[in-house]
Structure formats: C-alpha cells, structure tokens
Amino acid sequence: MSVKRPAELSPESMARANRKRLAAEEGARAMADVGRQAVEARKNMARLRELRETREAAAAATGLAPLPAPPPKKRTRKLPR
C-alpha cells in the first residue's frame, strides 16, 4: 500500500522546510566564521612568536639575560571574622 503525496505542500511543511533551509545557511555561515577566526588566531600567534624569538635573539646577542619570571606569590589564609 503506497501513500500518494499531495501535489501541494501544506503551509506547515513549507514553513518547516524554510526553517531547515535557513538553519543550514546559518550553520554554514557560522562554520566559515569560526574557520576564519581560527586562521586569524594562528596568524597572530605566528606574528607574536616571531617577535618573541627576535627579542630573545637580540637579548642573547647583547649578552643580556631576559628577566626571570617573578616567583608565584604565596597564598595567605583569610582569617575568619
């Protein structure tokens, strides 16, 4: 027993198809945006790495050692009131 599809789509099914189409378009736009942001972040990291390496090489050439990282501060206990 086969069910015949109506020649015309109901307004509900047309609205559902439109929502699905819009969601797919928005998803594709969002994925492209995320990819674009990832590329920008990688470019920025590469630029910063190059600057850091250049600065470290210049410091090594002049014999100046980079400043050591400050030691982490000890936590103090809060006194109950």
C-alpha atoms as a PDB file:
ATOM      1  CA  MET A   1       0.000   0.000   0.000  1.00  0.00           C
ATOM      2  CA  SER A   2       1.601   3.219  -1.078  1.00  0.00           C
ATOM      3  CA  VAL A   3       0.607   6.642   0.092  1.00  0.00           C
ATOM      4  CA  LYS A   4       0.261   9.301  -2.534  1.00  0.00           C
ATOM      5  CA  ARG A   5       1.946  12.604  -1.784  1.00  0.00           C
ATOM      6  CA  PRO A   6      -0.244  15.632  -2.260  1.00  0.00           C
ATOM      7  CA  ALA A   7       0.657  17.854  -5.193  1.00  0.00           C
ATOM      8  CA  GLU A   8       0.687  20.903  -2.954  1.00  0.00           C
ATOM      9  CA  LEU A   9       2.679  21.232   0.238  1.00  0.00           C
ATOM     10  CA  SER A  10       0.907  22.304   3.370  1.00  0.00           C
ATOM     11  CA  PRO A  11       1.829  25.670   4.904  1.00  0.00           C
ATOM     12  CA  GLU A  12       3.323  23.859   7.910  1.00  0.00           C
ATOM     13  CA  SER A  13       5.608  21.729   5.761  1.00  0.00           C
ATOM     14  CA  MET A  14       6.635  24.761   3.694  1.00  0.00           C
ATOM     15  CA  ALA A  15       7.457  26.665   6.900  1.00  0.00           C
ATOM     16  CA  ARG A  16       9.405  23.670   8.237  1.00  0.00           C
ATOM     17  CA  ALA A  17      11.387  23.375   5.002  1.00  0.00           C
ATOM     18  CA  ASN A  18      12.116  27.103   5.095  1.00  0.00           C
ATOM     19  CA  ARG A  19      13.325  26.890   8.721  1.00  0.00           C
ATOM     20  CA  LYS A  20      15.580  23.956   7.854  1.00  0.00           C
ATOM     21  CA  ARG A  21      17.000  25.831   4.864  1.00  0.00           C
ATOM     22  CA  LEU A  22      17.666  28.947   6.963  1.00  0.00           C
ATOM     23  CA  ALA A  23      19.271  26.866   9.717  1.00  0.00           C
ATOM     24  CA  ALA A  24      21.554  25.164   7.197  1.00  0.00           C
ATOM     25  CA  GLU A  25      22.604  28.527   5.725  1.00  0.00           C
ATOM     26  CA  GLU A  26      23.251  29.991   9.178  1.00  0.00           C
ATOM     27  CA  GLY A  27      25.255  26.906  10.159  1.00  0.00           C
ATOM     28  CA  ALA A  28      27.412  27.185   7.058  1.00  0.00           C
ATOM     29  CA  ARG A  29      27.997  30.890   7.780  1.00  0.00           C
ATOM     30  CA  ALA A  30      28.909  30.128  11.394  1.00  0.00           C
ATOM     31  CA  MET A  31      31.351  27.390  10.393  1.00  0.00           C
ATOM     32  CA  ALA A  32      33.020  29.717   7.880  1.00  0.00           C
ATOM     33  CA  ASP A  33      33.282  32.423  10.549  1.00  0.00           C
ATOM     34  CA  VAL A  34      34.850  30.012  13.042  1.00  0.00           C
ATOM     35  CA  GLY A  35      37.354  28.877  10.416  1.00  0.00           C
ATOM     36  CA  ARG A  36      38.212  32.477   9.562  1.00  0.00           C
ATOM     37  CA  GLN A  37      38.745  33.310  13.250  1.00  0.00           C
ATOM     38  CA  ALA A  38      40.990  30.271  13.679  1.00  0.00           C
ATOM     39  CA  VAL A  39      43.148  31.376  10.743  1.00  0.00           C
ATOM     40  CA  GLU A  40      43.414  34.883  12.209  1.00  0.00           C
ATOM     41  CA  ALA A  41      44.402  33.483  15.614  1.00  0.00           C
ATOM     42  CA  ARG A  42      47.112  31.286  14.069  1.00  0.00           C
ATOM     43  CA  LYS A  43      48.481  34.251  12.105  1.00  0.00           C
ATOM     44  CA  ASN A  44      48.571  36.373  15.246  1.00  0.00           C
ATOM     45  CA  MET A  45      50.314  33.610  17.225  1.00  0.00           C
ATOM     46  CA  ALA A  46      52.919  33.241  14.477  1.00  0.00           C
ATOM     47  CA  ARG A  47      53.497  37.013  14.454  1.00  0.00           C
ATOM     48  CA  LEU A  48      53.886  37.124  18.238  1.00  0.00           C
ATOM     49  CA  ARG A  49      56.192  34.073  18.222  1.00  0.00           C
ATOM     50  CA  GLU A  50      58.394  35.740  15.608  1.00  0.00           C
ATOM     51  CA  LEU A  51      58.566  38.936  17.685  1.00  0.00           C
ATOM     52  CA  ARG A  52      59.425  36.970  20.825  1.00  0.00           C
ATOM     53  CA  GLU A  53      62.122  34.950  19.086  1.00  0.00           C
ATOM     54  CA  THR A  54      63.607  38.117  17.590  1.00  0.00           C
ATOM     55  CA  ARG A  55      63.644  39.782  21.003  1.00  0.00           C
ATOM     56  CA  GLU A  56      65.240  36.715  22.608  1.00  0.00           C
ATOM     57  CA  ALA A  57      67.870  36.505  19.872  1.00  0.00           C
ATOM     58  CA  ALA A  58      68.721  40.198  20.318  1.00  0.00           C
ATOM     59  CA  ALA A  59      68.981  39.736  24.081  1.00  0.00           C
ATOM     60  CA  ALA A  60      71.252  36.706  23.624  1.00  0.00           C
ATOM     61  CA  ALA A  61      73.462  38.615  21.160  1.00  0.00           C
ATOM     62  CA  THR A  62      73.951  41.514  23.558  1.00  0.00           C
ATOM     63  CA  GLY A  63      74.527  39.189  26.491  1.00  0.00           C
ATOM     64  CA  LEU A  64      71.551  40.443  28.432  1.00  0.00           C
ATOM     65  CA  ALA A  65      69.565  37.704  30.027  1.00  0.00           C
ATOM     66  CA  PRO A  66      65.817  38.096  29.975  1.00  0.00           C
ATOM     67  CA  LEU A  67      64.288  38.967  33.299  1.00  0.00           C
ATOM     68  CA  PRO A  68      63.310  35.875  35.236  1.00  0.00           C
ATOM     69  CA  ALA A  69      59.662  35.322  35.867  1.00  0.00           C
ATOM     70  CA  PRO A  70      58.616  36.595  39.288  1.00  0.00           C
ATOM     71  CA  PRO A  71      58.070  33.816  41.800  1.00  0.00           C
ATOM     72  CA  PRO A  72      54.438  32.999  42.449  1.00  0.00           C
ATOM     73  CA  LYS A  73      53.046  34.742  45.499  1.00  0.00           C
ATOM     74  CA  LYS A  74      52.164  32.592  48.460  1.00  0.00           C
ATOM     75  CA  ARG A  75      48.519  32.401  49.279  1.00  0.00           C
ATOM     76  CA  THR A  76      47.510  33.871  52.560  1.00  0.00           C
ATOM     77  CA  ARG A  77      44.754  32.346  54.566  1.00  0.00           C
ATOM     78  CA  LYS A  78      41.799  34.519  55.202  1.00  0.00           C
ATOM     79  CA  LEU A  79      41.089  34.856  58.847  1.00  0.00           C
ATOM     80  CA  PRO A  80      37.518  34.125  59.862  1.00  0.00           C
ATOM     81  CA  ARG A  81      35.711  37.070  61.382  1.00  0.00           C
END
